[in-house]
Full PDB file with SEQRES, HELIX, SHEET, SSBOND, CRYST1, ORIGX, SCALE, CONECT and MASTER records, all heavy atoms in Angstrom:
SEQRES   1 A   41  ALA VAL LEU ALA ASP LEU ASP ALA TYR ALA GLU GLU VAL          
SEQRES   2 A   41  ARG ALA ASP GLU ARG GLU ALA ALA GLN LEU GLY ALA THR          
SEQRES   3 A   41  GLY VAL PRO PHE PHE VAL LEU ASP ARG THR TYR GLY VAL          
SEQRES   4 A   41  SER GLY                                                      
HELIX    1 AA1 ALA A   10  LEU A   23  1                                  14    
SHEET    1 AA1 2 PHE A  30  LEU A  33  0                                        
SHEET    2 AA1 2 TYR A  37  SER A  40 -1                                        
CRYST1    1.000    1.000    1.000  90.00  90.00  90.00 P 1           1          
ORIGX1      1.000000  0.000000  0.000000        0.00000                         
ORIGX2      0.000000  1.000000  0.000000        0.00000                         
ORIGX3      0.000000  0.000000  1.000000        0.00000                         
SCALE1      1.000000  0.000000  0.000000        0.00000                         
SCALE2      0.000000  1.000000  0.000000        0.00000                         
SCALE3      0.000000  0.000000  1.000000        0.00000                         
ATOM      1  N   ALA A   1       0.826  -1.205   0.000  1.00  0.00           N  
ATOM      2  CA  ALA A   1       0.000   0.000   0.000  1.00  0.00           C  
ATOM      3  C   ALA A   1       0.862   1.259   0.000  1.00  0.00           C  
ATOM      4  O   ALA A   1       0.526   2.254  -0.658  1.00  0.00           O  
ATOM      5  CB  ALA A   1      -0.934  -0.013   1.203  1.00  0.00           C  
ATOM      6  N   VAL A   2       1.954   1.244   0.734  1.00  0.00           N  
ATOM      7  CA  VAL A   2       2.872   2.382   0.752  1.00  0.00           C  
ATOM      8  C   VAL A   2       3.433   2.627  -0.645  1.00  0.00           C  
ATOM      9  O   VAL A   2       3.469   3.765  -1.143  1.00  0.00           O  
ATOM     10  CB  VAL A   2       4.028   2.150   1.753  1.00  0.00           C  
ATOM     11  CG1 VAL A   2       5.133   3.191   1.565  1.00  0.00           C  
ATOM     12  CG2 VAL A   2       3.506   2.199   3.185  1.00  0.00           C  
ATOM     13  N   LEU A   3       3.862   1.573  -1.307  1.00  0.00           N  
ATOM     14  CA  LEU A   3       4.443   1.722  -2.640  1.00  0.00           C  
ATOM     15  C   LEU A   3       3.410   2.192  -3.654  1.00  0.00           C  
ATOM     16  O   LEU A   3       3.738   2.940  -4.589  1.00  0.00           O  
ATOM     17  CB  LEU A   3       5.070   0.400  -3.084  1.00  0.00           C  
ATOM     18  CG  LEU A   3       6.309  -0.035  -2.286  1.00  0.00           C  
ATOM     19  CD1 LEU A   3       6.714  -1.450  -2.658  1.00  0.00           C  
ATOM     20  CD2 LEU A   3       7.469   0.930  -2.531  1.00  0.00           C  
ATOM     21  N   ALA A   4       2.173   1.776  -3.479  1.00  0.00           N  
ATOM     22  CA  ALA A   4       1.110   2.161  -4.416  1.00  0.00           C  
ATOM     23  C   ALA A   4       0.732   3.627  -4.274  1.00  0.00           C  
ATOM     24  O   ALA A   4       0.274   4.261  -5.240  1.00  0.00           O  
ATOM     25  CB  ALA A   4      -0.115   1.282  -4.209  1.00  0.00           C  
ATOM     26  N   ASP A   5       0.902   4.184  -3.079  1.00  0.00           N  
ATOM     27  CA  ASP A   5       0.582   5.588  -2.826  1.00  0.00           C  
ATOM     28  C   ASP A   5       1.858   6.403  -2.997  1.00  0.00           C  
ATOM     29  O   ASP A   5       2.698   6.452  -2.101  1.00  0.00           O  
ATOM     30  CB  ASP A   5       0.031   5.745  -1.410  1.00  0.00           C  
ATOM     31  CG  ASP A   5      -0.308   7.185  -1.064  1.00  0.00           C  
ATOM     32  OD1 ASP A   5      -0.117   8.069  -1.930  1.00  0.00           O  
ATOM     33  OD2 ASP A   5      -0.768   7.424   0.069  1.00  0.00           O  
ATOM     34  N   LEU A   6       2.004   7.056  -4.133  1.00  0.00           N  
ATOM     35  CA  LEU A   6       3.257   7.734  -4.450  1.00  0.00           C  
ATOM     36  C   LEU A   6       3.570   8.893  -3.511  1.00  0.00           C  
ATOM     37  O   LEU A   6       4.716   9.359  -3.460  1.00  0.00           O  
ATOM     38  CB  LEU A   6       3.222   8.240  -5.897  1.00  0.00           C  
ATOM     39  CG  LEU A   6       3.041   7.160  -6.975  1.00  0.00           C  
ATOM     40  CD1 LEU A   6       3.102   7.785  -8.354  1.00  0.00           C  
ATOM     41  CD2 LEU A   6       4.098   6.067  -6.830  1.00  0.00           C  
ATOM     42  N   ASP A   7       2.571   9.358  -2.771  1.00  0.00           N  
ATOM     43  CA  ASP A   7       2.811  10.443  -1.818  1.00  0.00           C  
ATOM     44  C   ASP A   7       3.217   9.944  -0.429  1.00  0.00           C  
ATOM     45  O   ASP A   7       3.695  10.732   0.395  1.00  0.00           O  
ATOM     46  CB  ASP A   7       1.545  11.303  -1.673  1.00  0.00           C  
ATOM     47  CG  ASP A   7       1.242  12.099  -2.933  1.00  0.00           C  
ATOM     48  OD1 ASP A   7       2.198  12.470  -3.638  1.00  0.00           O  
ATOM     49  OD2 ASP A   7       0.055  12.326  -3.215  1.00  0.00           O  
ATOM     50  N   ALA A   8       3.022   8.657  -0.181  1.00  0.00           N  
ATOM     51  CA  ALA A   8       3.317   8.113   1.145  1.00  0.00           C  
ATOM     52  C   ALA A   8       4.807   8.232   1.466  1.00  0.00           C  
ATOM     53  O   ALA A   8       5.647   7.695   0.745  1.00  0.00           O  
ATOM     54  CB  ALA A   8       2.875   6.652   1.218  1.00  0.00           C  
ATOM     55  N   TYR A   9       5.104   8.968   2.519  1.00  0.00           N  
ATOM     56  CA  TYR A   9       6.461   9.172   3.034  1.00  0.00           C  
ATOM     57  C   TYR A   9       7.375   9.916   2.060  1.00  0.00           C  
ATOM     58  O   TYR A   9       8.584  10.011   2.294  1.00  0.00           O  
ATOM     59  CB  TYR A   9       7.111   7.835   3.427  1.00  0.00           C  
ATOM     60  CG  TYR A   9       6.329   7.095   4.490  1.00  0.00           C  
ATOM     61  CD1 TYR A   9       5.434   6.075   4.132  1.00  0.00           C  
ATOM     62  CD2 TYR A   9       6.437   7.431   5.827  1.00  0.00           C  
ATOM     63  CE1 TYR A   9       4.681   5.411   5.099  1.00  0.00           C  
ATOM     64  CE2 TYR A   9       5.690   6.767   6.800  1.00  0.00           C  
ATOM     65  CZ  TYR A   9       4.812   5.767   6.420  1.00  0.00           C  
ATOM     66  OH  TYR A   9       4.067   5.116   7.382  1.00  0.00           O  
ATOM     67  N   ALA A  10       6.813  10.469   0.999  1.00  0.00           N  
ATOM     68  CA  ALA A  10       7.636  11.212   0.051  1.00  0.00           C  
ATOM     69  C   ALA A  10       8.219  12.473   0.683  1.00  0.00           C  
ATOM     70  O   ALA A  10       9.398  12.801   0.486  1.00  0.00           O  
ATOM     71  CB  ALA A  10       6.823  11.565  -1.191  1.00  0.00           C  
ATOM     72  N   GLU A  11       7.409  13.182   1.456  1.00  0.00           N  
ATOM     73  CA  GLU A  11       7.886  14.410   2.087  1.00  0.00           C  
ATOM     74  C   GLU A  11       8.958  14.101   3.131  1.00  0.00           C  
ATOM     75  O   GLU A  11       9.906  14.879   3.307  1.00  0.00           O  
ATOM     76  CB  GLU A  11       6.729  15.163   2.730  1.00  0.00           C  
ATOM     77  CG  GLU A  11       7.155  16.427   3.494  1.00  0.00           C  
ATOM     78  CD  GLU A  11       8.007  17.379   2.668  1.00  0.00           C  
ATOM     79  OE1 GLU A  11       7.826  17.445   1.427  1.00  0.00           O  
ATOM     80  OE2 GLU A  11       8.861  18.066   3.267  1.00  0.00           O  
ATOM     81  N   GLU A  12       8.842  12.957   3.810  1.00  0.00           N  
ATOM     82  CA  GLU A  12       9.869  12.576   4.789  1.00  0.00           C  
ATOM     83  C   GLU A  12      11.219  12.364   4.102  1.00  0.00           C  
ATOM     84  O   GLU A  12      12.266  12.752   4.634  1.00  0.00           O  
ATOM     85  CB  GLU A  12       9.449  11.303   5.534  1.00  0.00           C  
ATOM     86  CG  GLU A  12       8.348  11.518   6.559  1.00  0.00           C  
ATOM     87  CD  GLU A  12       6.946  11.510   5.956  1.00  0.00           C  
ATOM     88  OE1 GLU A  12       6.814  11.601   4.713  1.00  0.00           O  
ATOM     89  OE2 GLU A  12       5.982  11.415   6.726  1.00  0.00           O  
ATOM     90  N   VAL A  13      11.186  11.759   2.932  1.00  0.00           N  
ATOM     91  CA  VAL A  13      12.427  11.556   2.177  1.00  0.00           C  
ATOM     92  C   VAL A  13      13.015  12.902   1.768  1.00  0.00           C  
ATOM     93  O   VAL A  13      14.215  13.159   1.946  1.00  0.00           O  
ATOM     94  CB  VAL A  13      12.172  10.688   0.934  1.00  0.00           C  
ATOM     95  CG1 VAL A  13      13.449  10.569   0.095  1.00  0.00           C  
ATOM     96  CG2 VAL A  13      11.680   9.300   1.333  1.00  0.00           C  
ATOM     97  N   ARG A  14      12.192  13.774   1.225  1.00  0.00           N  
ATOM     98  CA  ARG A  14      12.662  15.083   0.774  1.00  0.00           C  
ATOM     99  C   ARG A  14      13.186  15.918   1.953  1.00  0.00           C  
ATOM    100  O   ARG A  14      14.173  16.653   1.813  1.00  0.00           O  
ATOM    101  CB  ARG A  14      11.537  15.834   0.070  1.00  0.00           C  
ATOM    102  CG  ARG A  14      11.027  15.171  -1.199  1.00  0.00           C  
ATOM    103  CD  ARG A  14      12.132  14.892  -2.183  1.00  0.00           C  
ATOM    104  NE  ARG A  14      11.640  14.339  -3.429  1.00  0.00           N  
ATOM    105  CZ  ARG A  14      12.325  13.538  -4.225  1.00  0.00           C  
ATOM    106  NH1 ARG A  14      13.567  13.188  -3.879  1.00  0.00           N  
ATOM    107  NH2 ARG A  14      11.813  13.089  -5.356  1.00  0.00           N  
ATOM    108  N   ALA A  15      12.522  15.799   3.107  1.00  0.00           N  
ATOM    109  CA  ALA A  15      12.978  16.540   4.287  1.00  0.00           C  
ATOM    110  C   ALA A  15      14.378  16.085   4.703  1.00  0.00           C  
ATOM    111  O   ALA A  15      15.237  16.911   5.057  1.00  0.00           O  
ATOM    112  CB  ALA A  15      11.995  16.360   5.440  1.00  0.00           C  
ATOM    113  N   ASP A  16      14.616  14.787   4.671  1.00  0.00           N  
ATOM    114  CA  ASP A  16      15.953  14.262   4.988  1.00  0.00           C  
ATOM    115  C   ASP A  16      16.992  14.829   4.021  1.00  0.00           C  
ATOM    116  O   ASP A  16      18.103  15.206   4.420  1.00  0.00           O  
ATOM    117  CB  ASP A  16      15.964  12.733   4.884  1.00  0.00           C  
ATOM    118  CG  ASP A  16      15.464  12.057   6.147  1.00  0.00           C  
ATOM    119  OD1 ASP A  16      15.149  12.756   7.120  1.00  0.00           O  
ATOM    120  OD2 ASP A  16      15.388  10.812   6.146  1.00  0.00           O  
ATOM    121  N   GLU A  17      16.632  14.883   2.755  1.00  0.00           N  
ATOM    122  CA  GLU A  17      17.587  15.350   1.751  1.00  0.00           C  
ATOM    123  C   GLU A  17      17.870  16.838   1.899  1.00  0.00           C  
ATOM    124  O   GLU A  17      19.015  17.290   1.730  1.00  0.00           O  
ATOM    125  CB  GLU A  17      17.054  15.013   0.360  1.00  0.00           C  
ATOM    126  CG  GLU A  17      17.010  13.513   0.115  1.00  0.00           C  
ATOM    127  CD  GLU A  17      16.359  13.109  -1.194  1.00  0.00           C  
ATOM    128  OE1 GLU A  17      15.543  13.882  -1.728  1.00  0.00           O  
ATOM    129  OE2 GLU A  17      16.671  12.000  -1.675  1.00  0.00           O  
ATOM    130  N   ARG A  18      16.850  17.614   2.244  1.00  0.00           N  
ATOM    131  CA  ARG A  18      17.075  19.045   2.492  1.00  0.00           C  
ATOM    132  C   ARG A  18      17.973  19.237   3.715  1.00  0.00           C  
ATOM    133  O   ARG A  18      18.868  20.091   3.721  1.00  0.00           O  
ATOM    134  CB  ARG A  18      15.733  19.750   2.713  1.00  0.00           C  
ATOM    135  CG  ARG A  18      14.884  19.906   1.460  1.00  0.00           C  
ATOM    136  CD  ARG A  18      13.738  20.890   1.691  1.00  0.00           C  
ATOM    137  NE  ARG A  18      12.815  20.442   2.716  1.00  0.00           N  
ATOM    138  CZ  ARG A  18      11.723  19.717   2.479  1.00  0.00           C  
ATOM    139  NH1 ARG A  18      11.427  19.339   1.236  1.00  0.00           N  
ATOM    140  NH2 ARG A  18      10.910  19.367   3.465  1.00  0.00           N  
ATOM    141  N   GLU A  19      17.737  18.431   4.739  1.00  0.00           N  
ATOM    142  CA  GLU A  19      18.532  18.547   5.956  1.00  0.00           C  
ATOM    143  C   GLU A  19      19.989  18.173   5.697  1.00  0.00           C  
ATOM    144  O   GLU A  19      20.906  18.787   6.242  1.00  0.00           O  
ATOM    145  CB  GLU A  19      17.946  17.664   7.052  1.00  0.00           C  
ATOM    146  CG  GLU A  19      18.402  18.038   8.434  1.00  0.00           C  
ATOM    147  CD  GLU A  19      17.526  17.443   9.520  1.00  0.00           C  
ATOM    148  OE1 GLU A  19      16.741  16.507   9.240  1.00  0.00           O  
ATOM    149  OE2 GLU A  19      17.632  17.921  10.662  1.00  0.00           O  
ATOM    150  N   ALA A  20      20.201  17.174   4.860  1.00  0.00           N  
ATOM    151  CA  ALA A  20      21.572  16.795   4.502  1.00  0.00           C  
ATOM    152  C   ALA A  20      22.299  17.965   3.856  1.00  0.00           C  
ATOM    153  O   ALA A  20      23.464  18.251   4.172  1.00  0.00           O  
ATOM    154  CB  ALA A  20      21.552  15.593   3.555  1.00  0.00           C  
ATOM    155  N   ALA A  21      21.606  18.662   2.963  1.00  0.00           N  
ATOM    156  CA  ALA A  21      22.213  19.820   2.303  1.00  0.00           C  
ATOM    157  C   ALA A  21      22.524  20.920   3.306  1.00  0.00           C  
ATOM    158  O   ALA A  21      23.592  21.552   3.256  1.00  0.00           O  
ATOM    159  CB  ALA A  21      21.273  20.344   1.215  1.00  0.00           C  
ATOM    160  N   GLN A  22      21.622  21.140   4.267  1.00  0.00           N  
ATOM    161  CA  GLN A  22      21.837  22.160   5.282  1.00  0.00           C  
ATOM    162  C   GLN A  22      23.031  21.831   6.173  1.00  0.00           C  
ATOM    163  O   GLN A  22      23.741  22.718   6.649  1.00  0.00           O  
ATOM    164  CB  GLN A  22      20.580  22.328   6.131  1.00  0.00           C  
ATOM    165  CG  GLN A  22      19.401  22.931   5.371  1.00  0.00           C  
ATOM    166  CD  GLN A  22      18.080  22.792   6.127  1.00  0.00           C  
ATOM    167  OE1 GLN A  22      18.031  22.241   7.229  1.00  0.00           O  
ATOM    168  NE2 GLN A  22      17.012  23.285   5.531  1.00  0.00           N  
ATOM    169  N   LEU A  23      23.254  20.532   6.397  1.00  0.00           N  
ATOM    170  CA  LEU A  23      24.377  20.099   7.236  1.00  0.00           C  
ATOM    171  C   LEU A  23      25.692  20.062   6.472  1.00  0.00           C  
ATOM    172  O   LEU A  23      26.740  19.807   7.057  1.00  0.00           O  
ATOM    173  CB  LEU A  23      24.078  18.714   7.817  1.00  0.00           C  
ATOM    174  CG  LEU A  23      22.978  18.647   8.881  1.00  0.00           C  
ATOM    175  CD1 LEU A  23      22.612  17.200   9.195  1.00  0.00           C  
ATOM    176  CD2 LEU A  23      23.414  19.369  10.156  1.00  0.00           C  
ATOM    177  N   GLY A  24      25.617  20.276   5.164  1.00  0.00           N  
ATOM    178  CA  GLY A  24      26.834  20.291   4.361  1.00  0.00           C  
ATOM    179  C   GLY A  24      27.243  18.949   3.796  1.00  0.00           C  
ATOM    180  O   GLY A  24      28.381  18.786   3.343  1.00  0.00           O  
ATOM    181  N   ALA A  25      26.329  17.981   3.796  1.00  0.00           N  
ATOM    182  CA  ALA A  25      26.654  16.658   3.255  1.00  0.00           C  
ATOM    183  C   ALA A  25      26.555  16.694   1.729  1.00  0.00           C  
ATOM    184  O   ALA A  25      25.482  16.943   1.181  1.00  0.00           O  
ATOM    185  CB  ALA A  25      25.703  15.618   3.814  1.00  0.00           C  
ATOM    186  N   THR A  26      27.655  16.459   1.063  1.00  0.00           N  
ATOM    187  CA  THR A  26      27.662  16.416  -0.401  1.00  0.00           C  
ATOM    188  C   THR A  26      27.786  14.991  -0.924  1.00  0.00           C  
ATOM    189  O   THR A  26      27.705  14.751  -2.121  1.00  0.00           O  
ATOM    190  CB  THR A  26      28.812  17.265  -0.958  1.00  0.00           C  
ATOM    191  OG1 THR A  26      30.060  16.782  -0.412  1.00  0.00           O  
ATOM    192  CG2 THR A  26      28.638  18.727  -0.580  1.00  0.00           C  
ATOM    193  N   GLY A  27      28.006  14.053  -0.036  1.00  0.00           N  
ATOM    194  CA  GLY A  27      28.113  12.653  -0.404  1.00  0.00           C  
ATOM    195  C   GLY A  27      27.769  11.781   0.780  1.00  0.00           C  
ATOM    196  O   GLY A  27      27.589  12.278   1.905  1.00  0.00           O  
ATOM    197  N   VAL A  28      27.672  10.493   0.529  1.00  0.00           N  
ATOM    198  CA  VAL A  28      27.322   9.550   1.589  1.00  0.00           C  
ATOM    199  C   VAL A  28      28.263   8.350   1.536  1.00  0.00           C  
ATOM    200  O   VAL A  28      28.866   8.075   0.501  1.00  0.00           O  
ATOM    201  CB  VAL A  28      25.843   9.091   1.449  1.00  0.00           C  
ATOM    202  CG1 VAL A  28      24.913  10.191   1.912  1.00  0.00           C  
ATOM    203  CG2 VAL A  28      25.479   8.666   0.035  1.00  0.00           C  
ATOM    204  N   PRO A  29      28.394   7.636   2.678  1.00  0.00           N  
ATOM    205  CA  PRO A  29      27.656   7.803   3.931  1.00  0.00           C  
ATOM    206  C   PRO A  29      28.102   9.047   4.693  1.00  0.00           C  
ATOM    207  O   PRO A  29      29.250   9.469   4.603  1.00  0.00           O  
ATOM    208  CB  PRO A  29      27.988   6.528   4.715  1.00  0.00           C  
ATOM    209  CG  PRO A  29      29.365   6.166   4.238  1.00  0.00           C  
ATOM    210  CD  PRO A  29      29.364   6.508   2.775  1.00  0.00           C  
ATOM    211  N   PHE A  30      27.169   9.604   5.445  1.00  0.00           N  
ATOM    212  CA  PHE A  30      27.437  10.788   6.263  1.00  0.00           C  
ATOM    213  C   PHE A  30      26.828  10.539   7.636  1.00  0.00           C  
ATOM    214  O   PHE A  30      25.624  10.340   7.759  1.00  0.00           O  
ATOM    215  CB  PHE A  30      26.828  12.027   5.617  1.00  0.00           C  
ATOM    216  CG  PHE A  30      27.225  13.319   6.275  1.00  0.00           C  
ATOM    217  CD1 PHE A  30      28.518  13.801   6.182  1.00  0.00           C  
ATOM    218  CD2 PHE A  30      26.289  14.066   6.978  1.00  0.00           C  
ATOM    219  CE1 PHE A  30      28.885  14.999   6.791  1.00  0.00           C  
ATOM    220  CE2 PHE A  30      26.641  15.263   7.583  1.00  0.00           C  
ATOM    221  CZ  PHE A  30      27.944  15.734   7.488  1.00  0.00           C  
ATOM    222  N   PHE A  31      27.680  10.510   8.652  1.00  0.00           N  
ATOM    223  CA  PHE A  31      27.270  10.176  10.011  1.00  0.00           C  
ATOM    224  C   PHE A  31      27.263  11.446  10.859  1.00  0.00           C  
ATOM    225  O   PHE A  31      28.239  12.203  10.849  1.00  0.00           O  
ATOM    226  CB  PHE A  31      28.239   9.168  10.635  1.00  0.00           C  
ATOM    227  CG  PHE A  31      28.372   7.869   9.877  1.00  0.00           C  
ATOM    228  CD1 PHE A  31      29.138   7.794   8.717  1.00  0.00           C  
ATOM    229  CD2 PHE A  31      27.741   6.715  10.328  1.00  0.00           C  
ATOM    230  CE1 PHE A  31      29.270   6.599   8.016  1.00  0.00           C  
ATOM    231  CE2 PHE A  31      27.872   5.519   9.639  1.00  0.00           C  
ATOM    232  CZ  PHE A  31      28.631   5.469   8.476  1.00  0.00           C  
ATOM    233  N   VAL A  32      26.183  11.663  11.592  1.00  0.00           N  
ATOM    234  CA  VAL A  32      26.083  12.824  12.472  1.00  0.00           C  
ATOM    235  C   VAL A  32      25.797  12.326  13.884  1.00  0.00           C  
ATOM    236  O   VAL A  32      24.798  11.632  14.118  1.00  0.00           O  
ATOM    237  CB  VAL A  32      24.973  13.789  12.007  1.00  0.00           C  
ATOM    238  CG1 VAL A  32      24.836  14.951  12.996  1.00  0.00           C  
ATOM    239  CG2 VAL A  32      25.278  14.318  10.609  1.00  0.00           C  
ATOM    240  N   LEU A  33      26.682  12.680  14.810  1.00  0.00           N  
ATOM    241  CA  LEU A  33      26.573  12.215  16.191  1.00  0.00           C  
ATOM    242  C   LEU A  33      26.070  13.350  17.068  1.00  0.00           C  
ATOM    243  O   LEU A  33      26.756  14.372  17.221  1.00  0.00           O  
ATOM    244  CB  LEU A  33      27.926  11.721  16.703  1.00  0.00           C  
ATOM    245  CG  LEU A  33      28.474  10.422  16.094  1.00  0.00           C  
ATOM    246  CD1 LEU A  33      29.021  10.641  14.691  1.00  0.00           C  
ATOM    247  CD2 LEU A  33      29.572   9.833  16.973  1.00  0.00           C  
ATOM    248  N   ASP A  34      24.861  13.187  17.603  1.00  0.00           N  
ATOM    249  CA  ASP A  34      24.256  14.176  18.498  1.00  0.00           C  
ATOM    250  C   ASP A  34      24.263  15.587  17.915  1.00  0.00           C  
ATOM    251  O   ASP A  34      24.339  16.560  18.663  1.00  0.00           O  
ATOM    252  CB  ASP A  34      24.960  14.166  19.858  1.00  0.00           C  
ATOM    253  CG  ASP A  34      24.191  13.331  20.885  1.00  0.00           C  
ATOM    254  OD1 ASP A  34      23.117  12.801  20.550  1.00  0.00           O  
ATOM    255  OD2 ASP A  34      24.673  13.219  22.032  1.00  0.00           O  
ATOM    256  N   ARG A  35      24.188  15.698  16.623  1.00  0.00           N  
ATOM    257  CA  ARG A  35      24.193  16.994  15.932  1.00  0.00           C  
ATOM    258  C   ARG A  35      25.388  17.856  16.341  1.00  0.00           C  
ATOM    259  O   ARG A  35      25.340  19.079  16.247  1.00  0.00           O  
ATOM    260  CB  ARG A  35      22.875  17.742  16.173  1.00  0.00           C  
ATOM    261  CG  ARG A  35      21.666  17.060  15.513  1.00  0.00           C  
ATOM    262  CD  ARG A  35      21.872  17.004  14.003  1.00  0.00           C  
ATOM    263  NE  ARG A  35      20.857  16.243  13.317  1.00  0.00           N  
ATOM    264  CZ  ARG A  35      19.864  16.798  12.604  1.00  0.00           C  
ATOM    265  NH1 ARG A  35      19.763  18.112  12.522  1.00  0.00           N  
ATOM    266  NH2 ARG A  35      19.001  16.028  11.978  1.00  0.00           N  
ATOM    267  N   THR A  36      26.468  17.184  16.732  1.00  0.00           N  
ATOM    268  CA  THR A  36      27.675  17.884  17.163  1.00  0.00           C  
ATOM    269  C   THR A  36      28.883  17.502  16.325  1.00  0.00           C  
ATOM    270  O   THR A  36      29.696  18.349  15.958  1.00  0.00           O  
ATOM    271  CB  THR A  36      27.982  17.581  18.645  1.00  0.00           C  
ATOM    272  OG1 THR A  36      26.860  17.959  19.434  1.00  0.00           O  
ATOM    273  CG2 THR A  36      29.208  18.342  19.129  1.00  0.00           C  
ATOM    274  N   TYR A  37      29.005  16.219  16.013  1.00  0.00           N  
ATOM    275  CA  TYR A  37      30.141  15.730  15.241  1.00  0.00           C  
ATOM    276  C   TYR A  37      29.656  15.067  13.963  1.00  0.00           C  
ATOM    277  O   TYR A  37      28.615  14.395  13.950  1.00  0.00           O  
ATOM    278  CB  TYR A  37      30.964  14.720  16.053  1.00  0.00           C  
ATOM    279  CG  TYR A  37      31.697  15.334  17.214  1.00  0.00           C  
ATOM    280  CD1 TYR A  37      31.144  15.341  18.480  1.00  0.00           C  
ATOM    281  CD2 TYR A  37      32.942  15.921  17.035  1.00  0.00           C  
ATOM    282  CE1 TYR A  37      31.805  15.918  19.557  1.00  0.00           C  
ATOM    283  CE2 TYR A  37      33.610  16.498  18.091  1.00  0.00           C  
ATOM    284  CZ  TYR A  37      33.046  16.493  19.349  1.00  0.00           C  
ATOM    285  OH  TYR A  37      33.702  17.078  20.399  1.00  0.00           O  
ATOM    286  N   GLY A  38      30.416  15.241  12.893  1.00  0.00           N  
ATOM    287  CA  GLY A  38      30.101  14.595  11.633  1.00  0.00           C  
ATOM    288  C   GLY A  38      31.268  13.741  11.162  1.00  0.00           C  
ATOM    289  O   GLY A  38      32.433  14.107  11.357  1.00  0.00           O  
ATOM    290  N   VAL A  39      30.950  12.598  10.580  1.00  0.00           N  
ATOM    291  CA  VAL A  39      31.962  11.723   9.994  1.00  0.00           C  
ATOM    292  C   VAL A  39      31.520  11.446   8.567  1.00  0.00           C  
ATOM    293  O   VAL A  39      30.432  10.937   8.328  1.00  0.00           O  
ATOM    294  CB  VAL A  39      32.099  10.400  10.769  1.00  0.00           C  
ATOM    295  CG1 VAL A  39      33.131   9.499  10.081  1.00  0.00           C  
ATOM    296  CG2 VAL A  39      32.487  10.652  12.212  1.00  0.00           C  
ATOM    297  N   SER A  40      32.369  11.795   7.619  1.00  0.00           N  
ATOM    298  CA  SER A  40      32.030  11.635   6.210  1.00  0.00           C  
ATOM    299  C   SER A  40      32.767  10.452   5.613  1.00  0.00           C  
ATOM    300  O   SER A  40      33.977  10.300   5.796  1.00  0.00           O  
ATOM    301  CB  SER A  40      32.389  12.912   5.436  1.00  0.00           C  
ATOM    302  OG  SER A  40      32.054  12.776   4.073  1.00  0.00           O  
ATOM    303  N   GLY A  41      32.037   9.581   4.920  1.00  0.00           N  
ATOM    304  CA  GLY A  41      32.656   8.464   4.224  1.00  0.00           C  
ATOM    305  C   GLY A  41      32.730   7.194   5.044  1.00  0.00           C  
ATOM    306  O   GLY A  41      32.431   7.175   6.244  1.00  0.00           O  
TER     307      GLY A  41                                                      
MASTER        0    0    0    1    2    0    0    6  306    1    0    4          
END                                                                             
């Protein structure tokens, strides 16, 4: 049912992607620890 509804969780995915850009992530994997430390790659 989730897959059939193209809007289901779509905004959650887009929100994650916007947040990644705000945090400066240009590639993945990107690890963020307590919103204080980041580990890239």
